[in-house]
Full PDB file with SEQRES, HELIX, SHEET, SSBOND, CRYST1, ORIGX, SCALE, CONECT and MASTER records, all heavy atoms in Angstrom:
SEQRES   1 A   42  LEU ASP PHE SER LYS ALA PHE ASP LYS VAL PRO HIS GLN          
SEQRES   2 A   42  ARG LEU LEU LEU LYS VAL SER HIS CYS ASP THR ALA GLY          
SEQRES   3 A   42  THR VAL LEU ALA TRP ILE GLN ASP PHE LEU HIS GLY ARG          
SEQRES   4 A   42  THR GLN LYS                                                  
HELIX    1 AA1 ALA A    6  LYS A    9  1                                   4    
HELIX    2 AA2 HIS A   12  SER A   20  1                                   9    
HELIX    3 AA3 THR A   27  LEU A   36  1                                  10    
CRYST1    1.000    1.000    1.000  90.00  90.00  90.00 P 1           1          
ORIGX1      1.000000  0.000000  0.000000        0.00000                         
ORIGX2      0.000000  1.000000  0.000000        0.00000                         
ORIGX3      0.000000  0.000000  1.000000        0.00000                         
SCALE1      1.000000  0.000000  0.000000        0.00000                         
SCALE2      0.000000  1.000000  0.000000        0.00000                         
SCALE3      0.000000  0.000000  1.000000        0.00000                         
ATOM      1  N   LEU A   1     107.790  93.323 151.403  1.00  0.00           N  
ATOM      2  CA  LEU A   1     106.675  94.156 150.962  1.00  0.00           C  
ATOM      3  C   LEU A   1     105.384  93.395 151.206  1.00  0.00           C  
ATOM      4  O   LEU A   1     105.266  92.231 150.841  1.00  0.00           O  
ATOM      5  CB  LEU A   1     106.811  94.492 149.475  1.00  0.00           C  
ATOM      6  CG  LEU A   1     108.086  95.241 149.079  1.00  0.00           C  
ATOM      7  CD1 LEU A   1     108.163  95.363 147.567  1.00  0.00           C  
ATOM      8  CD2 LEU A   1     108.132  96.595 149.729  1.00  0.00           C  
ATOM      9  N   ASP A   2     104.426  94.042 151.806  1.00  0.00           N  
ATOM     10  CA  ASP A   2     103.149  93.403 152.100  1.00  0.00           C  
ATOM     11  C   ASP A   2     102.098  93.910 151.113  1.00  0.00           C  
ATOM     12  O   ASP A   2     101.627  95.031 151.221  1.00  0.00           O  
ATOM     13  CB  ASP A   2     102.723  93.703 153.527  1.00  0.00           C  
ATOM     14  CG  ASP A   2     101.418  93.020 153.906  1.00  0.00           C  
ATOM     15  OD1 ASP A   2     100.906  92.206 153.109  1.00  0.00           O  
ATOM     16  OD2 ASP A   2     100.914  93.299 155.002  1.00  0.00           O  
ATOM     17  N   PHE A   3     101.765  93.069 150.158  1.00  0.00           N  
ATOM     18  CA  PHE A   3     100.750  93.419 149.169  1.00  0.00           C  
ATOM     19  C   PHE A   3      99.409  92.761 149.486  1.00  0.00           C  
ATOM     20  O   PHE A   3      98.535  92.683 148.643  1.00  0.00           O  
ATOM     21  CB  PHE A   3     101.194  92.986 147.764  1.00  0.00           C  
ATOM     22  CG  PHE A   3     102.377  93.754 147.257  1.00  0.00           C  
ATOM     23  CD1 PHE A   3     103.608  93.146 147.109  1.00  0.00           C  
ATOM     24  CD2 PHE A   3     102.262  95.089 146.934  1.00  0.00           C  
ATOM     25  CE1 PHE A   3     104.698  93.842 146.635  1.00  0.00           C  
ATOM     26  CE2 PHE A   3     103.346  95.809 146.461  1.00  0.00           C  
ATOM     27  CZ  PHE A   3     104.570  95.185 146.315  1.00  0.00           C  
ATOM     28  N   SER A   4      99.229  92.292 150.697  1.00  0.00           N  
ATOM     29  CA  SER A   4      98.042  91.515 151.033  1.00  0.00           C  
ATOM     30  C   SER A   4      96.741  92.279 150.818  1.00  0.00           C  
ATOM     31  O   SER A   4      95.735  91.692 150.475  1.00  0.00           O  
ATOM     32  CB  SER A   4      98.120  91.014 152.474  1.00  0.00           C  
ATOM     33  OG  SER A   4      98.181  92.098 153.375  1.00  0.00           O  
ATOM     34  N   LYS A   5      96.737  93.574 151.029  1.00  0.00           N  
ATOM     35  CA  LYS A   5      95.515  94.357 150.837  1.00  0.00           C  
ATOM     36  C   LYS A   5      95.564  95.220 149.582  1.00  0.00           C  
ATOM     37  O   LYS A   5      94.642  95.980 149.310  1.00  0.00           O  
ATOM     38  CB  LYS A   5      95.268  95.253 152.058  1.00  0.00           C  
ATOM     39  CG  LYS A   5      95.022  94.484 153.336  1.00  0.00           C  
ATOM     40  CD  LYS A   5      93.727  93.732 153.256  1.00  0.00           C  
ATOM     41  CE  LYS A   5      93.457  92.997 154.557  1.00  0.00           C  
ATOM     42  NZ  LYS A   5      92.272  92.185 154.480  1.00  0.00           N  
ATOM     43  N   ALA A   6      96.632  95.116 148.817  1.00  0.00           N  
ATOM     44  CA  ALA A   6      96.786  95.955 147.630  1.00  0.00           C  
ATOM     45  C   ALA A   6      95.649  95.734 146.638  1.00  0.00           C  
ATOM     46  O   ALA A   6      95.147  96.682 146.037  1.00  0.00           O  
ATOM     47  CB  ALA A   6      98.128  95.698 146.962  1.00  0.00           C  
ATOM     48  N   PHE A   7      95.221  94.507 146.476  1.00  0.00           N  
ATOM     49  CA  PHE A   7      94.165  94.214 145.507  1.00  0.00           C  
ATOM     50  C   PHE A   7      92.796  94.664 146.013  1.00  0.00           C  
ATOM     51  O   PHE A   7      91.872  94.805 145.246  1.00  0.00           O  
ATOM     52  CB  PHE A   7      94.151  92.726 145.162  1.00  0.00           C  
ATOM     53  CG  PHE A   7      95.323  92.312 144.321  1.00  0.00           C  
ATOM     54  CD1 PHE A   7      96.514  91.897 144.909  1.00  0.00           C  
ATOM     55  CD2 PHE A   7      95.257  92.355 142.946  1.00  0.00           C  
ATOM     56  CE1 PHE A   7      97.593  91.523 144.133  1.00  0.00           C  
ATOM     57  CE2 PHE A   7      96.337  91.993 142.157  1.00  0.00           C  
ATOM     58  CZ  PHE A   7      97.512  91.582 142.763  1.00  0.00           C  
ATOM     59  N   ASP A   8      92.674  94.902 147.321  1.00  0.00           N  
ATOM     60  CA  ASP A   8      91.417  95.405 147.879  1.00  0.00           C  
ATOM     61  C   ASP A   8      91.268  96.907 147.688  1.00  0.00           C  
ATOM     62  O   ASP A   8      90.174  97.429 147.784  1.00  0.00           O  
ATOM     63  CB  ASP A   8      91.346  95.119 149.383  1.00  0.00           C  
ATOM     64  CG  ASP A   8      91.234  93.639 149.694  1.00  0.00           C  
ATOM     65  OD1 ASP A   8      90.845  92.879 148.785  1.00  0.00           O  
ATOM     66  OD2 ASP A   8      91.540  93.259 150.834  1.00  0.00           O  
ATOM     67  N   LYS A   9      92.376  97.606 147.444  1.00  0.00           N  
ATOM     68  CA  LYS A   9      92.348  99.062 147.476  1.00  0.00           C  
ATOM     69  C   LYS A   9      92.682  99.749 146.164  1.00  0.00           C  
ATOM     70  O   LYS A   9      92.560 100.956 146.070  1.00  0.00           O  
ATOM     71  CB  LYS A   9      93.325  99.548 148.553  1.00  0.00           C  
ATOM     72  CG  LYS A   9      92.906  99.074 149.927  1.00  0.00           C  
ATOM     73  CD  LYS A   9      93.854  99.515 150.988  1.00  0.00           C  
ATOM     74  CE  LYS A   9      93.344  98.984 152.318  1.00  0.00           C  
ATOM     75  NZ  LYS A   9      94.177  99.217 153.422  1.00  0.00           N  
ATOM     76  N   VAL A  10      93.129  99.035 145.161  1.00  0.00           N  
ATOM     77  CA  VAL A  10      93.539  99.681 143.919  1.00  0.00           C  
ATOM     78  C   VAL A  10      92.325 100.316 143.225  1.00  0.00           C  
ATOM     79  O   VAL A  10      91.319  99.655 142.989  1.00  0.00           O  
ATOM     80  CB  VAL A  10      94.263  98.689 142.974  1.00  0.00           C  
ATOM     81  CG1 VAL A  10      93.365  97.550 142.547  1.00  0.00           C  
ATOM     82  CG2 VAL A  10      94.801  99.401 141.764  1.00  0.00           C  
ATOM     83  N   PRO A  11      92.395 101.627 142.946  1.00  0.00           N  
ATOM     84  CA  PRO A  11      91.289 102.286 142.241  1.00  0.00           C  
ATOM     85  C   PRO A  11      91.156 101.725 140.815  1.00  0.00           C  
ATOM     86  O   PRO A  11      92.154 101.510 140.134  1.00  0.00           O  
ATOM     87  CB  PRO A  11      91.701 103.756 142.199  1.00  0.00           C  
ATOM     88  CG  PRO A  11      92.729 103.910 143.275  1.00  0.00           C  
ATOM     89  CD  PRO A  11      93.428 102.583 143.354  1.00  0.00           C  
ATOM     90  N   HIS A  12      89.943 101.498 140.378  1.00  0.00           N  
ATOM     91  CA  HIS A  12      89.710 100.918 139.060  1.00  0.00           C  
ATOM     92  C   HIS A  12      90.344 101.753 137.953  1.00  0.00           C  
ATOM     93  O   HIS A  12      90.960 101.209 137.036  1.00  0.00           O  
ATOM     94  CB  HIS A  12      88.213 100.769 138.795  1.00  0.00           C  
ATOM     95  CG  HIS A  12      87.571  99.744 139.668  1.00  0.00           C  
ATOM     96  ND1 HIS A  12      86.203  99.607 139.739  1.00  0.00           N  
ATOM     97  CD2 HIS A  12      88.079  98.801 140.495  1.00  0.00           C  
ATOM     98  CE1 HIS A  12      85.904  98.628 140.584  1.00  0.00           C  
ATOM     99  NE2 HIS A  12      87.033  98.138 141.059  1.00  0.00           N  
ATOM    100  N   GLN A  13      90.208 103.077 138.027  1.00  0.00           N  
ATOM    101  CA  GLN A  13      90.757 103.928 136.965  1.00  0.00           C  
ATOM    102  C   GLN A  13      92.277 103.832 136.904  1.00  0.00           C  
ATOM    103  O   GLN A  13      92.859 103.807 135.824  1.00  0.00           O  
ATOM    104  CB  GLN A  13      90.313 105.380 137.157  1.00  0.00           C  
ATOM    105  CG  GLN A  13      88.833 105.589 136.911  1.00  0.00           C  
ATOM    106  CD  GLN A  13      88.399 105.114 135.535  1.00  0.00           C  
ATOM    107  OE1 GLN A  13      89.069 105.329 134.534  1.00  0.00           O  
ATOM    108  NE2 GLN A  13      87.263 104.436 135.466  1.00  0.00           N  
ATOM    109  N   ARG A  14      92.929 103.759 138.055  1.00  0.00           N  
ATOM    110  CA  ARG A  14      94.390 103.630 138.066  1.00  0.00           C  
ATOM    111  C   ARG A  14      94.808 102.272 137.505  1.00  0.00           C  
ATOM    112  O   ARG A  14      95.772 102.171 136.746  1.00  0.00           O  
ATOM    113  CB  ARG A  14      94.937 103.797 139.476  1.00  0.00           C  
ATOM    114  CG  ARG A  14      96.466 103.742 139.494  1.00  0.00           C  
ATOM    115  CD  ARG A  14      97.043 104.030 140.846  1.00  0.00           C  
ATOM    116  NE  ARG A  14      96.736 105.405 141.212  1.00  0.00           N  
ATOM    117  CZ  ARG A  14      96.676 105.844 142.469  1.00  0.00           C  
ATOM    118  NH1 ARG A  14      96.907 105.034 143.471  1.00  0.00           N  
ATOM    119  NH2 ARG A  14      96.404 107.096 142.727  1.00  0.00           N  
ATOM    120  N   LEU A  15      94.080 101.226 137.853  1.00  0.00           N  
ATOM    121  CA  LEU A  15      94.384  99.899 137.323  1.00  0.00           C  
ATOM    122  C   LEU A  15      94.245  99.877 135.809  1.00  0.00           C  
ATOM    123  O   LEU A  15      95.127  99.368 135.100  1.00  0.00           O  
ATOM    124  CB  LEU A  15      93.448  98.857 137.945  1.00  0.00           C  
ATOM    125  CG  LEU A  15      93.568  97.441 137.417  1.00  0.00           C  
ATOM    126  CD1 LEU A  15      94.957  96.866 137.692  1.00  0.00           C  
ATOM    127  CD2 LEU A  15      92.493  96.554 138.026  1.00  0.00           C  
ATOM    128  N   LEU A  16      93.184 100.464 135.297  1.00  0.00           N  
ATOM    129  CA  LEU A  16      92.977 100.497 133.849  1.00  0.00           C  
ATOM    130  C   LEU A  16      94.061 101.314 133.146  1.00  0.00           C  
ATOM    131  O   LEU A  16      94.516 100.937 132.066  1.00  0.00           O  
ATOM    132  CB  LEU A  16      91.588 101.046 133.531  1.00  0.00           C  
ATOM    133  CG  LEU A  16      90.429 100.150 133.970  1.00  0.00           C  
ATOM    134  CD1 LEU A  16      89.106 100.895 133.859  1.00  0.00           C  
ATOM    135  CD2 LEU A  16      90.402  98.860 133.180  1.00  0.00           C  
ATOM    136  N   LEU A  17      94.489 102.396 133.767  1.00  0.00           N  
ATOM    137  CA  LEU A  17      95.570 103.201 133.198  1.00  0.00           C  
ATOM    138  C   LEU A  17      96.866 102.396 133.132  1.00  0.00           C  
ATOM    139  O   LEU A  17      97.554 102.378 132.115  1.00  0.00           O  
ATOM    140  CB  LEU A  17      95.782 104.473 134.024  1.00  0.00           C  
ATOM    141  CG  LEU A  17      96.867 105.418 133.537  1.00  0.00           C  
ATOM    142  CD1 LEU A  17      96.493 105.997 132.172  1.00  0.00           C  
ATOM    143  CD2 LEU A  17      97.084 106.528 134.542  1.00  0.00           C  
ATOM    144  N   LYS A  18      97.190 101.684 134.212  1.00  0.00           N  
ATOM    145  CA  LYS A  18      98.412 100.869 134.243  1.00  0.00           C  
ATOM    146  C   LYS A  18      98.342  99.751 133.203  1.00  0.00           C  
ATOM    147  O   LYS A  18      99.321  99.478 132.514  1.00  0.00           O  
ATOM    148  CB  LYS A  18      98.626 100.258 135.631  1.00  0.00           C  
ATOM    149  CG  LYS A  18      98.907 101.263 136.702  1.00  0.00           C  
ATOM    150  CD  LYS A  18     100.282 101.836 136.554  1.00  0.00           C  
ATOM    151  CE  LYS A  18     100.599 102.751 137.725  1.00  0.00           C  
ATOM    152  NZ  LYS A  18     101.929 103.316 137.637  1.00  0.00           N  
ATOM    153  N   VAL A  19      97.192  99.116 133.075  1.00  0.00           N  
ATOM    154  CA  VAL A  19      97.027  98.036 132.094  1.00  0.00           C  
ATOM    155  C   VAL A  19      97.181  98.589 130.686  1.00  0.00           C  
ATOM    156  O   VAL A  19      97.825  97.972 129.831  1.00  0.00           O  
ATOM    157  CB  VAL A  19      95.668  97.327 132.272  1.00  0.00           C  
ATOM    158  CG1 VAL A  19      95.378  96.391 131.116  1.00  0.00           C  
ATOM    159  CG2 VAL A  19      95.638  96.563 133.587  1.00  0.00           C  
ATOM    160  N   SER A  20      96.648  99.776 130.434  1.00  0.00           N  
ATOM    161  CA  SER A  20      96.744 100.360 129.086  1.00  0.00           C  
ATOM    162  C   SER A  20      98.186 100.701 128.728  1.00  0.00           C  
ATOM    163  O   SER A  20      98.551 100.694 127.560  1.00  0.00           O  
ATOM    164  CB  SER A  20      95.862 101.591 128.958  1.00  0.00           C  
ATOM    165  OG  SER A  20      96.376 102.661 129.719  1.00  0.00           O  
ATOM    166  N   HIS A  21      99.019 100.994 129.724  1.00  0.00           N  
ATOM    167  CA  HIS A  21     100.435 101.304 129.468  1.00  0.00           C  
ATOM    168  C   HIS A  21     101.278 100.044 129.254  1.00  0.00           C  
ATOM    169  O   HIS A  21     102.459 100.148 128.933  1.00  0.00           O  
ATOM    170  CB  HIS A  21     101.032 102.120 130.609  1.00  0.00           C  
ATOM    171  CG  HIS A  21     100.553 103.529 130.639  1.00  0.00           C  
ATOM    172  ND1 HIS A  21     100.664 104.384 129.561  1.00  0.00           N  
ATOM    173  CD2 HIS A  21      99.933 104.248 131.615  1.00  0.00           C  
ATOM    174  CE1 HIS A  21     100.147 105.562 129.874  1.00  0.00           C  
ATOM    175  NE2 HIS A  21      99.696 105.507 131.108  1.00  0.00           N  
ATOM    176  N   CYS A  22     100.711  98.881 129.447  1.00  0.00           N  
ATOM    177  CA  CYS A  22     101.436  97.613 129.258  1.00  0.00           C  
ATOM    178  C   CYS A  22     101.167  97.022 127.881  1.00  0.00           C  
ATOM    179  O   CYS A  22     101.176  95.811 127.705  1.00  0.00           O  
ATOM    180  CB  CYS A  22     101.033  96.615 130.336  1.00  0.00           C  
ATOM    181  SG  CYS A  22     101.518  97.100 131.981  1.00  0.00           S  
ATOM    182  N   ASP A  23     100.875  97.875 126.921  1.00  0.00           N  
ATOM    183  CA  ASP A  23     100.550  97.424 125.562  1.00  0.00           C  
ATOM    184  C   ASP A  23      99.384  96.442 125.551  1.00  0.00           C  
ATOM    185  O   ASP A  23      99.321  95.545 124.721  1.00  0.00           O  
ATOM    186  CB  ASP A  23     101.780  96.812 124.877  1.00  0.00           C  
ATOM    187  CG  ASP A  23     102.845  97.847 124.579  1.00  0.00           C  
ATOM    188  OD1 ASP A  23     102.469  99.025 124.375  1.00  0.00           O  
ATOM    189  OD2 ASP A  23     104.034  97.493 124.560  1.00  0.00           O  
ATOM    190  N   THR A  24      98.496  96.602 126.506  1.00  0.00           N  
ATOM    191  CA  THR A  24      97.287  95.792 126.549  1.00  0.00           C  
ATOM    192  C   THR A  24      96.151  96.686 126.088  1.00  0.00           C  
ATOM    193  O   THR A  24      95.687  97.529 126.834  1.00  0.00           O  
ATOM    194  CB  THR A  24      97.009  95.288 127.974  1.00  0.00           C  
ATOM    195  OG1 THR A  24      98.159  94.600 128.436  1.00  0.00           O  
ATOM    196  CG2 THR A  24      95.832  94.358 127.999  1.00  0.00           C  
ATOM    197  N   ALA A  25      95.763  96.519 124.875  1.00  0.00           N  
ATOM    198  CA  ALA A  25      94.715  97.377 124.325  1.00  0.00           C  
ATOM    199  C   ALA A  25      93.658  96.511 123.662  1.00  0.00           C  
ATOM    200  O   ALA A  25      93.748  95.298 123.645  1.00  0.00           O  
ATOM    201  CB  ALA A  25      95.321  98.356 123.330  1.00  0.00           C  
ATOM    202  N   GLY A  26      92.690  97.172 123.125  1.00  0.00           N  
ATOM    203  CA  GLY A  26      91.661  96.468 122.369  1.00  0.00           C  
ATOM    204  C   GLY A  26      90.799  95.586 123.236  1.00  0.00           C  
ATOM    205  O   GLY A  26      90.269  96.017 124.255  1.00  0.00           O  
ATOM    206  N   THR A  27      90.677  94.353 122.853  1.00  0.00           N  
ATOM    207  CA  THR A  27      89.749  93.417 123.472  1.00  0.00           C  
ATOM    208  C   THR A  27      90.053  93.162 124.942  1.00  0.00           C  
ATOM    209  O   THR A  27      89.143  93.133 125.765  1.00  0.00           O  
ATOM    210  CB  THR A  27      89.758  92.076 122.710  1.00  0.00           C  
ATOM    211  OG1 THR A  27      89.471  92.336 121.339  1.00  0.00           O  
ATOM    212  CG2 THR A  27      88.722  91.129 123.258  1.00  0.00           C  
ATOM    213  N   VAL A  28      91.327  92.993 125.282  1.00  0.00           N  
ATOM    214  CA  VAL A  28      91.684  92.681 126.672  1.00  0.00           C  
ATOM    215  C   VAL A  28      91.355  93.852 127.589  1.00  0.00           C  
ATOM    216  O   VAL A  28      90.751  93.677 128.646  1.00  0.00           O  
ATOM    217  CB  VAL A  28      93.174  92.294 126.794  1.00  0.00           C  
ATOM    218  CG1 VAL A  28      93.571  92.126 128.246  1.00  0.00           C  
ATOM    219  CG2 VAL A  28      93.461  91.035 126.009  1.00  0.00           C  
ATOM    220  N   LEU A  29      91.726  95.064 127.185  1.00  0.00           N  
ATOM    221  CA  LEU A  29      91.431  96.237 128.000  1.00  0.00           C  
ATOM    222  C   LEU A  29      89.919  96.436 128.121  1.00  0.00           C  
ATOM    223  O   LEU A  29      89.415  96.731 129.202  1.00  0.00           O  
ATOM    224  CB  LEU A  29      92.094  97.482 127.411  1.00  0.00           C  
ATOM    225  CG  LEU A  29      91.958  98.760 128.231  1.00  0.00           C  
ATOM    226  CD1 LEU A  29      92.540  98.597 129.631  1.00  0.00           C  
ATOM    227  CD2 LEU A  29      92.636  99.919 127.514  1.00  0.00           C  
ATOM    228  N   ALA A  30      89.196  96.247 127.050  1.00  0.00           N  
ATOM    229  CA  ALA A  30      87.729  96.375 127.074  1.00  0.00           C  
ATOM    230  C   ALA A  30      87.114  95.336 128.000  1.00  0.00           C  
ATOM    231  O   ALA A  30      86.168  95.625 128.737  1.00  0.00           O  
ATOM    232  CB  ALA A  30      87.162  96.240 125.668  1.00  0.00           C  
ATOM    233  N   TRP A  31      87.661  94.120 128.004  1.00  0.00           N  
ATOM    234  CA  TRP A  31      87.151  93.056 128.884  1.00  0.00           C  
ATOM    235  C   TRP A  31      87.355  93.448 130.344  1.00  0.00           C  
ATOM    236  O   TRP A  31      86.437  93.291 131.160  1.00  0.00           O  
ATOM    237  CB  TRP A  31      87.868  91.739 128.578  1.00  0.00           C  
ATOM    238  CG  TRP A  31      87.418  90.638 129.473  1.00  0.00           C  
ATOM    239  CD1 TRP A  31      86.315  89.865 129.324  1.00  0.00           C  
ATOM    240  CD2 TRP A  31      88.052  90.191 130.677  1.00  0.00           C  
ATOM    241  NE1 TRP A  31      86.221  88.973 130.362  1.00  0.00           N  
ATOM    242  CE2 TRP A  31      87.274  89.150 131.202  1.00  0.00           C  
ATOM    243  CE3 TRP A  31      89.202  90.577 131.366  1.00  0.00           C  
ATOM    244  CZ2 TRP A  31      87.608  88.489 132.376  1.00  0.00           C  
ATOM    245  CZ3 TRP A  31      89.531  89.919 132.531  1.00  0.00           C  
ATOM    246  CH2 TRP A  31      88.744  88.888 133.023  1.00  0.00           C  
ATOM    247  N   ILE A  32      88.527  93.966 130.685  1.00  0.00           N  
ATOM    248  CA  ILE A  32      88.801  94.358 132.066  1.00  0.00           C  
ATOM    249  C   ILE A  32      87.897  95.521 132.473  1.00  0.00           C  
ATOM    250  O   ILE A  32      87.346  95.536 133.576  1.00  0.00           O  
ATOM    251  CB  ILE A  32      90.294  94.700 132.256  1.00  0.00           C  
ATOM    252  CG1 ILE A  32      91.141  93.441 132.050  1.00  0.00           C  
ATOM    253  CG2 ILE A  32      90.545  95.297 133.639  1.00  0.00           C  
ATOM    254  CD1 ILE A  32      92.634  93.685 132.014  1.00  0.00           C  
ATOM    255  N   GLN A  33      87.713  96.493 131.569  1.00  0.00           N  
ATOM    256  CA  GLN A  33      86.809  97.619 131.856  1.00  0.00           C  
ATOM    257  C   GLN A  33      85.400  97.116 132.125  1.00  0.00           C  
ATOM    258  O   GLN A  33      84.752  97.533 133.095  1.00  0.00           O  
ATOM    259  CB  GLN A  33      86.791  98.602 130.693  1.00  0.00           C  
ATOM    260  CG  GLN A  33      88.030  99.449 130.596  1.00  0.00           C  
ATOM    261  CD  GLN A  33      88.028 100.326 129.355  1.00  0.00           C  
ATOM    262  OE1 GLN A  33      87.692  99.869 128.268  1.00  0.00           O  
ATOM    263  NE2 GLN A  33      88.424 101.575 129.518  1.00  0.00           N  
ATOM    264  N   ASP A  34      84.899  96.234 131.278  1.00  0.00           N  
ATOM    265  CA  ASP A  34      83.551  95.685 131.457  1.00  0.00           C  
ATOM    266  C   ASP A  34      83.446  94.881 132.750  1.00  0.00           C  
ATOM    267  O   ASP A  34      82.422  94.910 133.432  1.00  0.00           O  
ATOM    268  CB  ASP A  34      83.164  94.796 130.278  1.00  0.00           C  
ATOM    269  CG  ASP A  34      82.872  95.581 129.019  1.00  0.00           C  
ATOM    270  OD1 ASP A  34      82.671  96.813 129.110  1.00  0.00           O  
ATOM    271  OD2 ASP A  34      82.856  94.964 127.942  1.00  0.00           O  
ATOM    272  N   PHE A  35      84.503  94.163 133.095  1.00  0.00           N  
ATOM    273  CA  PHE A  35      84.526  93.339 134.293  1.00  0.00           C  
ATOM    274  C   PHE A  35      84.402  94.203 135.553  1.00  0.00           C  
ATOM    275  O   PHE A  35      83.733  93.826 136.514  1.00  0.00           O  
ATOM    276  CB  PHE A  35      85.823  92.532 134.328  1.00  0.00           C  
ATOM    277  CG  PHE A  35      85.926  91.567 135.474  1.00  0.00           C  
ATOM    278  CD1 PHE A  35      85.189  90.397 135.489  1.00  0.00           C  
ATOM    279  CD2 PHE A  35      86.779  91.823 136.534  1.00  0.00           C  
ATOM    280  CE1 PHE A  35      85.279  89.509 136.538  1.00  0.00           C  
ATOM    281  CE2 PHE A  35      86.894  90.937 137.588  1.00  0.00           C  
ATOM    282  CZ  PHE A  35      86.135  89.776 137.586  1.00  0.00           C  
ATOM    283  N   LEU A  36      85.029  95.371 135.557  1.00  0.00           N  
ATOM    284  CA  LEU A  36      85.031  96.239 136.732  1.00  0.00           C  
ATOM    285  C   LEU A  36      83.884  97.241 136.751  1.00  0.00           C  
ATOM    286  O   LEU A  36      83.481  97.708 137.816  1.00  0.00           O  
ATOM    287  CB  LEU A  36      86.363  97.005 136.810  1.00  0.00           C  
ATOM    288  CG  LEU A  36      87.611  96.157 137.021  1.00  0.00           C  
ATOM    289  CD1 LEU A  36      88.854  97.026 136.922  1.00  0.00           C  
ATOM    290  CD2 LEU A  36      87.560  95.425 138.344  1.00  0.00           C  
ATOM    291  N   HIS A  37      83.340  97.577 135.592  1.00  0.00           N  
ATOM    292  CA  HIS A  37      82.305  98.612 135.485  1.00  0.00           C  
ATOM    293  C   HIS A  37      80.977  98.151 136.091  1.00  0.00           C  
ATOM    294  O   HIS A  37      80.539  97.023 135.896  1.00  0.00           O  
ATOM    295  CB  HIS A  37      82.087  98.988 134.014  1.00  0.00           C  
ATOM    296  CG  HIS A  37      81.035 100.028 133.839  1.00  0.00           C  
ATOM    297  ND1 HIS A  37      81.239 101.350 134.154  1.00  0.00           N  
ATOM    298  CD2 HIS A  37      79.758  99.936 133.401  1.00  0.00           C  
ATOM    299  CE1 HIS A  37      80.140 102.029 133.918  1.00  0.00           C  
ATOM    300  NE2 HIS A  37      79.229 101.192 133.458  1.00  0.00           N  
ATOM    301  N   GLY A  38      80.357  99.056 136.836  1.00  0.00           N  
ATOM    302  CA  GLY A  38      79.006  98.811 137.333  1.00  0.00           C  
ATOM    303  C   GLY A  38      78.904  97.852 138.500  1.00  0.00           C  
ATOM    304  O   GLY A  38      77.815  97.390 138.823  1.00  0.00           O  
ATOM    305  N   ARG A  39      80.006  97.544 139.166  1.00  0.00           N  
ATOM    306  CA  ARG A  39      79.958  96.645 140.322  1.00  0.00           C  
ATOM    307  C   ARG A  39      79.362  97.380 141.519  1.00  0.00           C  
ATOM    308  O   ARG A  39      79.654  98.538 141.764  1.00  0.00           O  
ATOM    309  CB  ARG A  39      81.347  96.126 140.666  1.00  0.00           C  
ATOM    310  CG  ARG A  39      81.853  95.170 139.627  1.00  0.00           C  
ATOM    311  CD  ARG A  39      83.048  94.393 140.142  1.00  0.00           C  
ATOM    312  NE  ARG A  39      83.317  93.282 139.255  1.00  0.00           N  
ATOM    313  CZ  ARG A  39      82.785  92.077 139.377  1.00  0.00           C  
ATOM    314  NH1 ARG A  39      81.984  91.801 140.366  1.00  0.00           N  
ATOM    315  NH2 ARG A  39      83.059  91.132 138.517  1.00  0.00           N  
ATOM    316  N   THR A  40      78.524  96.681 142.255  1.00  0.00           N  
ATOM    317  CA  THR A  40      77.916  97.245 143.453  1.00  0.00           C  
ATOM    318  C   THR A  40      78.055  96.241 144.598  1.00  0.00           C  
ATOM    319  O   THR A  40      78.323  95.056 144.379  1.00  0.00           O  
ATOM    320  CB  THR A  40      76.424  97.547 143.228  1.00  0.00           C  
ATOM    321  OG1 THR A  40      75.756  96.348 142.833  1.00  0.00           O  
ATOM    322  CG2 THR A  40      76.225  98.622 142.176  1.00  0.00           C  
ATOM    323  N   GLN A  41      77.870  96.761 145.807  1.00  0.00           N  
ATOM    324  CA  GLN A  41      77.916  95.877 146.971  1.00  0.00           C  
ATOM    325  C   GLN A  41      77.042  96.447 148.071  1.00  0.00           C  
ATOM    326  O   GLN A  41      76.710  97.624 148.074  1.00  0.00           O  
ATOM    327  CB  GLN A  41      79.346  95.722 147.484  1.00  0.00           C  
ATOM    328  CG  GLN A  41      79.946  96.965 148.080  1.00  0.00           C  
ATOM    329  CD  GLN A  41      81.394  96.776 148.508  1.00  0.00           C  
ATOM    330  OE1 GLN A  41      82.081  95.879 148.046  1.00  0.00           O  
ATOM    331  NE2 GLN A  41      81.851  97.649 149.384  1.00  0.00           N  
ATOM    332  N   LYS A  42      76.668  95.580 148.992  1.00  0.00           N  
ATOM    333  CA  LYS A  42      75.960  96.007 150.193  1.00  0.00           C  
ATOM    334  C   LYS A  42      76.384  95.101 151.332  1.00  0.00           C  
ATOM    335  O   LYS A  42      76.959  94.031 151.109  1.00  0.00           O  
ATOM    336  CB  LYS A  42      74.441  95.977 150.005  1.00  0.00           C  
ATOM    337  CG  LYS A  42      73.833  94.592 149.882  1.00  0.00           C  
ATOM    338  CD  LYS A  42      72.328  94.693 149.774  1.00  0.00           C  
ATOM    339  CE  LYS A  42      71.704  93.324 149.605  1.00  0.00           C  
ATOM    340  NZ  LYS A  42      70.245  93.417 149.612  1.00  0.00           N  
TER     341      LYS A  42                                                      
MASTER        0    0    0    3    0    0    0    6  340    1    0    4          
END                                                                             
């Protein structure tokens, strides 16, 4: 299995949904949301 580009393409909302289903809630989930929210690039 080639996961080399998997981390480049995972949608933020899908990642957050998967993390929330792993009993990761509260502070950790909020930290990941804040980490991904509002990112920009050029």
